[in-house]
Amino acid sequence: MSGNIQAVRGMNDILPEQTPTWQFVEQTLRNLLAAYGYSEVRMPIVEKTELFKRSIGEVTDIVEKEMYTFEDRNGDSLTLRPEGTAGCVRAAIENGLLYNQTQKLWYLGPMFRHERPQKGRYRQFHQLGVEVFGLEGPDVDAELILMSARLWRLLGLEDSVTLQLNSLGSSYARAMYREKLVHYFEQHIGQLDEDSRRRLLSNPLRILDSKNPDMAALIAAAPKLTEHLDAESKAHFDALCAQLEAAGVRYQINPCLVRGLDYYGRTVFEWVTDKLGAQGTVCAGGRFDGLVEQLGGKATPAIGFAIGLERLTALLDEDVVPLEQFRPHIYLVRVGDAAQQHALLLAERLRDEVPGLRVQLNHGGGSFKNQLKRADKSGAALALVMGEEEVANGTVGIKPLREQSEQQTLALDQIVPFLRDYVAGRK
């Protein structure tokens, strides 16, 4: 007999005891984005492979080694999305969202990369992406960073993350800097590891992001992009820093901060933590002013960021998540044949007449004592008890499960107003 089928390596189940944390984080994100006037967009998980080759860059690790790519029955090359920005840009161009318009968009969902699984880095992972199109000033850069800073406060994580900033300048400034950087590393070719040698001519800026400790001193002594910025990019970056300082947002300028994707320029930023081991980046973003034109649209300034939800949820302390909002308010205990149908109908009536009430009905029978154990395990605050006597008298017993107070009995016509007041008191 065959063994059990296991999940694909690096693609994990999110179990019932974990989903309240995810739901809390997702609802916090939705509320925050609504407060800033951002609108949700939902894109396909599968896109044409060409989209990612043209946007991310064919000589990046993602395209070369990490994408899940396959041919469909028509012979078309398709790819499970490894990130969301390219698909968002494609959707905005295809649906006419960018013509003489400003768009503030967000999306949430799974991404896929074939990497070596480790804590905080999985083959299926979940990201929130936020993208702004049509605005080129540093004020929108500042708004995105302030929004992310507000999220950390809402989640109690402001002391767990640090903001790092850099500017990659214009494409012309990067090209000039690239020559200086290649020349510097060529003079120290013997100190480069194999991965950095491979990147030297294809994507030398990525060498600055190397995590190899043996190269730390070499990278620290390399020419700094911030010292080779064009005047316009420097003014943009200085204005952004001034706005963050005025808002009281602390930051560190990291001259080695680059993006792993080719489409970034000017502002780049990351929120990093030392609480997750090697996978320390929780939020990463920056400007991609050339990507819309690169994918066939009209030149459009753009900026965005992405947050990895696996890493974000791993940072949260259990006591931060208000679990009571995910538990039933009441557990309806029904004992005896007469109570079975009456309790079922009562549960439906309560859901109809008490907005927001969460009712869990006992199934599978069981003694009164066993049903109370189930009620306690459910996390409900109250047990509603219906037995033969309650059916005969038109009443319901109410037993508190989380407080030391006496059980009481109410007539059926009193239970709805009682529960309305109960739910209102817990909002």
Protein backbone atom coordinates (compact mmCIF):
# COMPACT_ATOMS: atom_id res chain seq x y z
CA MET A 1 0.00 0.00 0.00
CA SER A 2 1.33 3.43 -0.91
CA GLY A 3 2.41 5.83 1.84
CA ASN A 4 0.82 9.17 2.57
CA ILE A 5 1.34 11.95 0.03
CA GLN A 6 3.40 14.74 1.54
CA ALA A 7 3.31 18.46 0.75
CA VAL A 8 5.84 19.75 -1.78
CA ARG A 9 9.08 20.68 -0.02
CA GLY A 10 9.08 24.35 0.91
CA MET A 11 5.31 24.72 0.43
CA ASN A 12 3.74 24.70 3.85
CA ASP A 13 0.27 24.29 5.30
CA ILE A 14 -0.99 27.10 7.52
CA LEU A 15 -2.90 25.28 10.26
CA PRO A 16 -6.00 26.37 12.23
CA GLU A 17 -3.96 27.39 15.27
CA GLN A 18 -1.84 29.64 13.03
CA THR A 19 -4.54 31.24 10.88
CA PRO A 20 -5.82 33.68 13.55
CA THR A 21 -2.42 35.40 13.46
CA TRP A 22 -2.54 35.55 9.66
CA GLN A 23 -6.12 36.87 9.68
CA PHE A 24 -5.20 39.52 12.23
CA VAL A 25 -2.21 40.68 10.18
CA GLU A 26 -4.19 40.67 6.92
CA GLN A 27 -7.06 42.66 8.45
CA THR A 28 -4.61 45.15 9.96
CA LEU A 29 -3.04 45.59 6.52
CA ARG A 30 -6.40 46.06 4.81
CA ASN A 31 -7.49 48.68 7.34
CA LEU A 32 -4.17 50.51 7.08
CA LEU A 33 -4.23 50.62 3.27
CA ALA A 34 -7.83 51.85 3.26
CA ALA A 35 -6.82 54.65 5.64
CA TYR A 36 -4.22 55.80 3.08
CA GLY A 37 -6.57 55.57 0.08
CA TYR A 38 -5.08 52.51 -1.65
CA SER A 39 -7.21 50.13 -3.76
CA GLU A 40 -6.87 46.36 -4.11
CA VAL A 41 -5.99 44.66 -7.39
CA ARG A 42 -5.93 40.88 -7.91
CA MET A 43 -3.70 39.39 -10.60
CA PRO A 44 -3.27 35.81 -11.87
CA ILE A 45 -0.76 33.55 -10.16
CA VAL A 46 0.49 32.36 -13.57
CA GLU A 47 1.95 34.80 -16.11
CA LYS A 48 3.84 34.49 -19.38
CA THR A 49 7.51 33.77 -18.69
CA GLU A 50 8.55 36.67 -20.93
CA LEU A 51 7.03 39.11 -18.44
CA PHE A 52 9.55 38.20 -15.76
CA LYS A 53 12.51 37.89 -18.13
CA ARG A 54 11.86 41.41 -19.42
CA SER A 55 11.20 42.97 -16.03
CA ILE A 56 13.36 41.16 -13.49
CA GLY A 57 16.30 40.59 -15.84
CA GLU A 58 17.57 37.39 -17.46
CA VAL A 59 20.84 37.40 -15.50
CA THR A 60 19.23 37.56 -12.05
CA ASP A 61 19.14 34.58 -9.70
CA ILE A 62 15.34 34.56 -9.87
CA VAL A 63 15.14 34.08 -13.63
CA GLU A 64 18.24 31.90 -13.94
CA LYS A 65 17.63 29.51 -11.05
CA GLU A 66 14.46 30.09 -9.05
CA MET A 67 11.38 30.39 -11.28
CA TYR A 68 8.79 27.63 -11.62
CA THR A 69 8.44 27.63 -15.42
CA PHE A 70 6.58 25.15 -17.61
CA GLU A 71 4.98 24.77 -21.04
CA ASP A 72 1.21 24.55 -21.22
CA ARG A 73 -0.69 22.44 -23.75
CA ASN A 74 -0.42 25.18 -26.36
CA GLY A 75 3.36 25.23 -26.06
CA ASP A 76 3.38 28.63 -24.31
CA SER A 77 6.02 29.16 -21.62
CA LEU A 78 4.29 30.10 -18.36
CA THR A 79 5.67 30.86 -14.90
CA LEU A 80 4.28 30.86 -11.38
CA ARG A 81 4.80 34.45 -10.29
CA PRO A 82 8.05 34.88 -8.31
CA GLU A 83 7.09 38.44 -7.31
CA GLY A 84 4.12 40.75 -7.81
CA THR A 85 5.33 44.04 -9.26
CA ALA A 86 5.74 42.84 -12.86
CA GLY A 87 2.24 41.37 -12.91
CA CYS A 88 0.79 44.52 -11.37
CA VAL A 89 2.44 46.65 -14.05
CA ARG A 90 1.22 44.28 -16.77
CA ALA A 91 -2.35 44.46 -15.41
CA ALA A 92 -2.23 48.26 -15.17
CA ILE A 93 -1.01 48.64 -18.77
CA GLU A 94 -3.39 46.03 -20.19
CA ASN A 95 -6.45 47.50 -18.48
CA GLY A 96 -5.70 51.15 -19.20
CA LEU A 97 -5.15 52.17 -15.59
CA LEU A 98 -2.14 54.40 -16.22
CA TYR A 99 -3.18 56.73 -19.04
CA ASN A 100 -3.17 60.26 -17.52
CA GLN A 101 -3.98 58.69 -14.14
CA THR A 102 -2.48 58.22 -10.73
CA GLN A 103 -2.96 54.79 -9.17
CA LYS A 104 -2.36 53.61 -5.62
CA LEU A 105 -2.73 49.81 -5.63
CA TRP A 106 -2.12 46.84 -3.35
CA TYR A 107 -2.32 43.07 -3.69
CA LEU A 108 -1.89 40.08 -1.42
CA GLY A 109 -1.17 36.47 -2.24
CA PRO A 110 1.29 33.61 -2.83
CA MET A 111 4.55 33.88 -4.78
CA PHE A 112 6.82 31.01 -5.86
CA ARG A 113 10.60 30.59 -5.99
CA HIS A 114 12.62 27.37 -6.11
CA GLU A 115 15.08 28.14 -3.31
CA ARG A 116 16.60 26.07 -0.53
CA PRO A 117 13.87 26.18 2.13
CA GLN A 118 14.82 27.70 5.47
CA LYS A 119 13.09 29.74 8.16
CA GLY A 120 11.56 32.80 6.55
CA ARG A 121 12.36 31.64 3.01
CA TYR A 122 9.99 29.15 1.41
CA ARG A 123 9.19 27.98 -2.10
CA GLN A 124 5.63 29.18 -1.75
CA PHE A 125 5.52 32.36 0.29
CA HIS A 126 2.99 35.14 0.75
CA GLN A 127 3.51 38.82 0.07
CA LEU A 128 1.67 42.07 0.44
CA GLY A 129 2.63 44.36 -2.43
CA VAL A 130 1.92 48.12 -2.57
CA GLU A 131 2.52 50.06 -5.79
CA VAL A 132 2.04 53.73 -6.74
CA PHE A 133 2.00 54.89 -10.37
CA GLY A 134 2.13 58.40 -11.80
CA LEU A 135 3.85 60.27 -8.95
CA GLU A 136 7.54 61.17 -9.11
CA GLY A 137 8.12 63.39 -6.07
CA PRO A 138 9.85 62.27 -2.88
CA ASP A 139 6.66 62.89 -0.92
CA VAL A 140 5.12 59.61 -2.11
CA ASP A 141 8.35 57.79 -1.24
CA ALA A 142 7.97 59.26 2.23
CA GLU A 143 4.29 58.27 2.45
CA LEU A 144 5.06 54.63 1.70
CA ILE A 145 7.77 54.55 4.36
CA LEU A 146 5.52 56.32 6.87
CA MET A 147 2.75 53.81 6.11
CA SER A 148 5.08 50.90 6.78
CA ALA A 149 6.29 52.58 9.98
CA ARG A 150 2.67 52.92 11.11
CA LEU A 151 2.17 49.20 10.48
CA TRP A 152 5.02 48.33 12.85
CA ARG A 153 3.40 50.51 15.53
CA LEU A 154 0.02 48.87 15.01
CA LEU A 155 1.61 45.43 15.41
CA GLY A 156 3.88 46.41 18.30
CA LEU A 157 7.01 45.83 16.22
CA GLU A 158 8.51 49.32 16.12
CA ASP A 159 11.44 48.24 18.31
CA SER A 160 12.05 45.07 16.26
CA VAL A 161 12.81 46.63 12.88
CA THR A 162 15.26 49.21 11.51
CA LEU A 163 14.86 51.29 8.35
CA GLN A 164 17.74 51.30 5.86
CA LEU A 165 17.82 53.71 2.90
CA ASN A 166 19.86 54.21 -0.25
CA SER A 167 19.56 55.81 -3.65
CA LEU A 168 20.51 53.98 -6.84
CA GLY A 169 20.36 57.20 -8.84
CA SER A 170 19.44 57.49 -12.50
CA SER A 171 20.22 54.82 -15.09
CA TYR A 172 22.99 57.06 -16.45
CA ALA A 173 24.55 57.55 -13.00
CA ARG A 174 24.36 53.81 -12.33
CA ALA A 175 26.06 53.07 -15.65
CA MET A 176 28.95 55.41 -14.78
CA TYR A 177 29.17 53.98 -11.27
CA ARG A 178 29.03 50.45 -12.64
CA GLU A 179 32.24 51.04 -14.60
CA LYS A 180 34.04 52.26 -11.46
CA LEU A 181 32.72 49.31 -9.45
CA VAL A 182 33.77 46.73 -12.04
CA HIS A 183 37.21 48.31 -12.24
CA TYR A 184 37.56 48.17 -8.43
CA PHE A 185 36.52 44.53 -8.13
CA GLU A 186 38.68 43.49 -11.09
CA GLN A 187 41.67 44.82 -9.16
CA HIS A 188 40.69 42.45 -6.31
CA ILE A 189 39.46 39.51 -8.38
CA GLY A 190 41.24 37.01 -6.18
CA GLN A 191 39.15 38.05 -3.18
CA LEU A 192 35.82 37.50 -4.91
CA ASP A 193 33.86 34.33 -4.28
CA GLU A 194 32.49 32.28 -7.17
CA ASP A 195 29.05 33.90 -7.06
CA SER A 196 30.54 37.41 -7.15
CA ARG A 197 32.83 36.55 -10.06
CA ARG A 198 29.78 35.39 -11.97
CA ARG A 199 28.02 38.67 -11.24
CA LEU A 200 30.99 40.90 -11.99
CA LEU A 201 30.06 41.54 -15.61
CA SER A 202 26.34 40.75 -15.52
CA ASN A 203 25.10 42.49 -12.34
CA PRO A 204 28.03 43.93 -10.35
CA LEU A 205 25.86 45.98 -7.97
CA ARG A 206 24.59 42.71 -6.52
CA ILE A 207 28.09 41.99 -5.23
CA LEU A 208 27.51 44.79 -2.71
CA ASP A 209 24.66 42.75 -1.26
CA SER A 210 26.84 39.66 -0.69
CA LYS A 211 26.40 38.00 2.71
CA ASN A 212 29.85 36.35 2.52
CA PRO A 213 31.71 37.58 5.66
CA ASP A 214 35.08 37.00 3.96
CA MET A 215 34.22 39.79 1.51
CA ALA A 216 32.89 42.31 4.04
CA ALA A 217 36.06 44.43 4.20
CA LEU A 218 36.43 44.42 0.40
CA ILE A 219 32.82 45.57 -0.06
CA ALA A 220 33.12 48.22 2.65
CA ALA A 221 36.07 49.77 0.80
CA ALA A 222 34.31 49.75 -2.60
CA PRO A 223 33.25 53.03 -4.27
CA LYS A 224 29.91 54.31 -2.92
CA LEU A 225 27.01 54.95 -5.27
CA THR A 226 25.81 57.81 -3.06
CA GLU A 227 29.05 59.63 -3.97
CA HIS A 228 28.30 59.27 -7.69
CA LEU A 229 24.64 60.30 -7.82
CA ASP A 230 23.36 62.67 -10.48
CA ALA A 231 22.19 66.03 -9.12
CA GLU A 232 18.48 65.31 -9.59
CA SER A 233 18.63 61.98 -7.78
CA LYS A 234 20.65 63.52 -4.94
CA ALA A 235 18.08 66.30 -4.51
CA HIS A 236 15.28 63.69 -4.50
CA PHE A 237 17.06 61.60 -1.87
CA ASP A 238 17.90 64.61 0.32
CA ALA A 239 14.26 65.73 0.22
CA LEU A 240 13.08 62.25 1.20
CA CYS A 241 15.48 62.14 4.15
CA ALA A 242 14.33 65.60 5.27
CA GLN A 243 10.67 64.53 5.21
CA LEU A 244 11.41 61.38 7.21
CA GLU A 245 13.33 63.40 9.78
CA ALA A 246 10.46 65.88 10.05
CA ALA A 247 8.10 62.95 10.71
CA GLY A 248 10.40 61.51 13.37
CA VAL A 249 11.28 58.35 11.42
CA ARG A 250 14.74 57.09 12.24
CA TYR A 251 16.80 55.57 9.42
CA GLN A 252 20.25 54.39 8.46
CA ILE A 253 21.82 55.12 5.08
CA ASN A 254 23.22 51.84 3.76
CA PRO A 255 25.38 52.44 0.66
CA CYS A 256 25.44 48.69 -0.01
CA LEU A 257 21.66 48.41 -0.18
CA VAL A 258 20.69 47.38 -3.71
CA ARG A 259 17.73 45.52 -5.09
CA GLY A 260 17.99 42.06 -6.57
CA LEU A 261 15.71 43.08 -9.45
CA ASP A 262 16.96 45.08 -12.42
CA TYR A 263 14.08 47.53 -12.64
CA TYR A 264 14.87 49.59 -9.51
CA GLY A 265 16.37 53.12 -9.54
CA ARG A 266 16.64 56.07 -7.17
CA THR A 267 15.05 55.38 -3.76
CA VAL A 268 15.45 51.88 -2.31
CA PHE A 269 14.65 50.95 1.28
CA GLU A 270 14.37 47.97 3.58
CA TRP A 271 13.03 47.36 7.06
CA VAL A 272 15.32 44.77 8.63
CA THR A 273 15.36 42.81 11.87
CA ASP A 274 17.93 40.79 13.81
CA LYS A 275 15.28 38.48 15.28
CA LEU A 276 14.87 36.07 12.34
CA GLY A 277 18.40 34.88 11.74
CA ALA A 278 19.77 35.18 8.22
CA GLN A 279 16.44 36.21 6.70
CA GLY A 280 16.41 39.67 8.21
CA THR A 281 14.48 41.68 5.60
CA VAL A 282 10.80 42.07 6.51
CA CYS A 283 9.84 44.80 4.04
CA ALA A 284 11.67 45.94 0.91
CA GLY A 285 10.84 48.52 -1.72
CA GLY A 286 11.91 51.32 -3.96
CA ARG A 287 11.38 53.22 -7.19
CA PHE A 288 10.97 51.49 -10.56
CA ASP A 289 10.36 54.50 -12.81
CA GLY A 290 11.46 52.71 -15.99
CA LEU A 291 9.50 49.47 -15.66
CA VAL A 292 6.19 50.57 -17.20
CA GLU A 293 7.94 51.72 -20.39
CA GLN A 294 10.12 48.60 -20.35
CA LEU A 295 6.95 46.47 -20.45
CA GLY A 296 5.37 48.40 -23.31
CA GLY A 297 3.54 51.24 -21.60
CA LYS A 298 4.09 54.98 -21.60
CA ALA A 299 6.93 56.16 -19.34
CA THR A 300 5.43 56.36 -15.84
CA PRO A 301 7.08 57.07 -12.48
CA ALA A 302 6.40 54.31 -9.96
CA ILE A 303 7.36 53.15 -6.48
CA GLY A 304 6.31 50.30 -4.22
CA PHE A 305 7.22 47.84 -1.51
CA ALA A 306 6.55 44.23 -0.54
CA ILE A 307 6.20 42.58 2.87
CA GLY A 308 6.74 38.86 3.41
CA LEU A 309 3.92 37.60 5.60
CA GLU A 310 5.76 34.51 6.82
CA ARG A 311 8.50 36.69 8.26
CA LEU A 312 6.04 39.25 9.60
CA THR A 313 3.91 36.68 11.43
CA ALA A 314 7.08 35.05 12.82
CA LEU A 315 7.98 38.37 14.45
CA LEU A 316 4.70 38.74 16.30
CA ASP A 317 4.40 37.80 19.95
CA GLU A 318 1.40 35.62 20.69
CA ASP A 319 -0.07 38.15 23.11
CA VAL A 320 -0.25 40.80 20.35
CA VAL A 321 -2.96 38.90 18.46
CA PRO A 322 -6.45 39.44 19.94
CA LEU A 323 -7.51 35.80 19.65
CA GLU A 324 -10.96 36.44 21.14
CA GLN A 325 -12.12 38.00 17.87
CA PHE A 326 -11.53 34.66 16.12
CA ARG A 327 -13.28 32.51 18.70
CA PRO A 328 -17.03 31.86 19.01
CA HIS A 329 -18.98 34.08 21.39
CA ILE A 330 -21.19 31.18 22.41
CA TYR A 331 -21.16 27.39 22.26
CA LEU A 332 -24.67 25.92 22.09
CA VAL A 333 -24.97 22.76 24.18
CA ARG A 334 -27.96 20.53 23.33
CA VAL A 335 -28.82 17.51 25.47
CA GLY A 336 -31.65 15.10 24.71
CA ASP A 337 -33.68 14.31 21.61
CA ALA A 338 -36.11 17.21 21.99
CA ALA A 339 -33.28 19.75 22.13
CA GLN A 340 -31.59 18.69 18.89
CA GLN A 341 -33.85 20.47 16.40
CA HIS A 342 -34.80 23.30 18.76
CA ALA A 343 -31.13 24.17 19.32
CA LEU A 344 -30.37 24.02 15.59
CA LEU A 345 -33.19 26.47 14.84
CA LEU A 346 -32.17 28.68 17.77
CA ALA A 347 -28.62 28.92 16.42
CA GLU A 348 -29.91 30.03 13.02
CA ARG A 349 -32.24 32.58 14.64
CA LEU A 350 -29.41 34.03 16.72
CA ARG A 351 -27.19 34.42 13.64
CA ASP A 352 -30.08 36.20 11.89
CA GLU A 353 -31.01 38.56 14.72
CA VAL A 354 -27.69 39.31 16.45
CA PRO A 355 -25.29 40.86 13.90
CA GLY A 356 -21.70 39.80 14.41
CA LEU A 357 -22.54 36.93 16.77
CA ARG A 358 -20.32 33.86 16.39
CA VAL A 359 -22.19 30.67 17.34
CA GLN A 360 -20.74 27.17 17.47
CA LEU A 361 -23.34 24.41 17.75
CA ASN A 362 -22.49 21.10 19.37
CA HIS A 363 -22.52 18.14 16.98
CA GLY A 364 -22.08 14.45 17.60
CA GLY A 365 -24.07 14.22 20.81
CA GLY A 366 -22.31 13.58 24.09
CA SER A 367 -23.15 14.01 27.74
CA PHE A 368 -23.68 17.43 29.28
CA LYS A 369 -20.24 17.20 30.92
CA ASN A 370 -18.47 16.27 27.66
CA GLN A 371 -20.24 19.02 25.76
CA LEU A 372 -19.10 21.57 28.34
CA LYS A 373 -15.53 20.34 27.82
CA ARG A 374 -15.93 20.96 24.08
CA ALA A 375 -17.39 24.38 24.81
CA ASP A 376 -14.38 25.27 26.94
CA LYS A 377 -11.96 23.99 24.30
CA SER A 378 -13.66 26.08 21.61
CA GLY A 379 -12.60 29.27 23.39
CA ALA A 380 -16.20 30.52 23.61
CA ALA A 381 -17.02 32.95 26.40
CA LEU A 382 -20.51 31.56 27.05
CA ALA A 383 -22.21 28.19 26.84
CA LEU A 384 -25.92 28.27 25.97
CA VAL A 385 -27.57 25.17 27.38
CA MET A 386 -30.71 23.61 25.93
CA GLY A 387 -32.02 20.33 27.34
CA GLU A 388 -35.39 18.63 27.75
CA GLU A 389 -36.38 20.96 30.58
CA GLU A 390 -35.42 24.13 28.71
CA VAL A 391 -37.38 23.00 25.64
CA ALA A 392 -40.46 22.32 27.77
CA ASN A 393 -40.20 25.70 29.56
CA GLY A 394 -39.17 27.82 26.56
CA THR A 395 -35.93 28.86 28.22
CA VAL A 396 -32.16 28.71 27.67
CA GLY A 397 -29.41 28.32 30.26
CA ILE A 398 -26.41 30.68 30.08
CA LYS A 399 -23.17 29.45 31.64
CA PRO A 400 -20.10 31.75 31.68
CA LEU A 401 -16.94 29.86 30.70
CA ARG A 402 -14.27 32.53 31.25
CA GLU A 403 -15.60 34.30 34.34
CA GLN A 404 -16.46 33.20 37.85
CA SER A 405 -20.19 33.97 37.84
CA GLU A 406 -23.39 32.01 38.28
CA GLN A 407 -25.32 30.29 35.51
CA GLN A 408 -28.62 31.98 34.72
CA THR A 409 -31.75 31.07 32.84
CA LEU A 410 -33.53 33.35 30.35
CA ALA A 411 -36.77 33.02 28.42
CA LEU A 412 -36.32 32.54 24.68
CA ASP A 413 -37.69 36.01 23.96
CA GLN A 414 -35.01 37.52 26.24
CA ILE A 415 -31.99 35.79 24.72
CA VAL A 416 -31.72 37.98 21.59
CA PRO A 417 -31.55 41.34 23.42
CA PHE A 418 -29.20 39.79 26.00
CA LEU A 419 -26.78 38.65 23.30
CA ARG A 420 -27.05 41.92 21.36
CA ASP A 421 -25.90 43.78 24.47
CA TYR A 422 -23.23 41.15 25.08
CA VAL A 423 -21.72 41.48 21.56
CA ALA A 424 -21.95 45.29 21.63
CA GLY A 425 -19.99 45.33 24.88
CA ARG A 426 -17.11 43.46 23.29
CA LYS A 427 -16.60 45.63 20.20
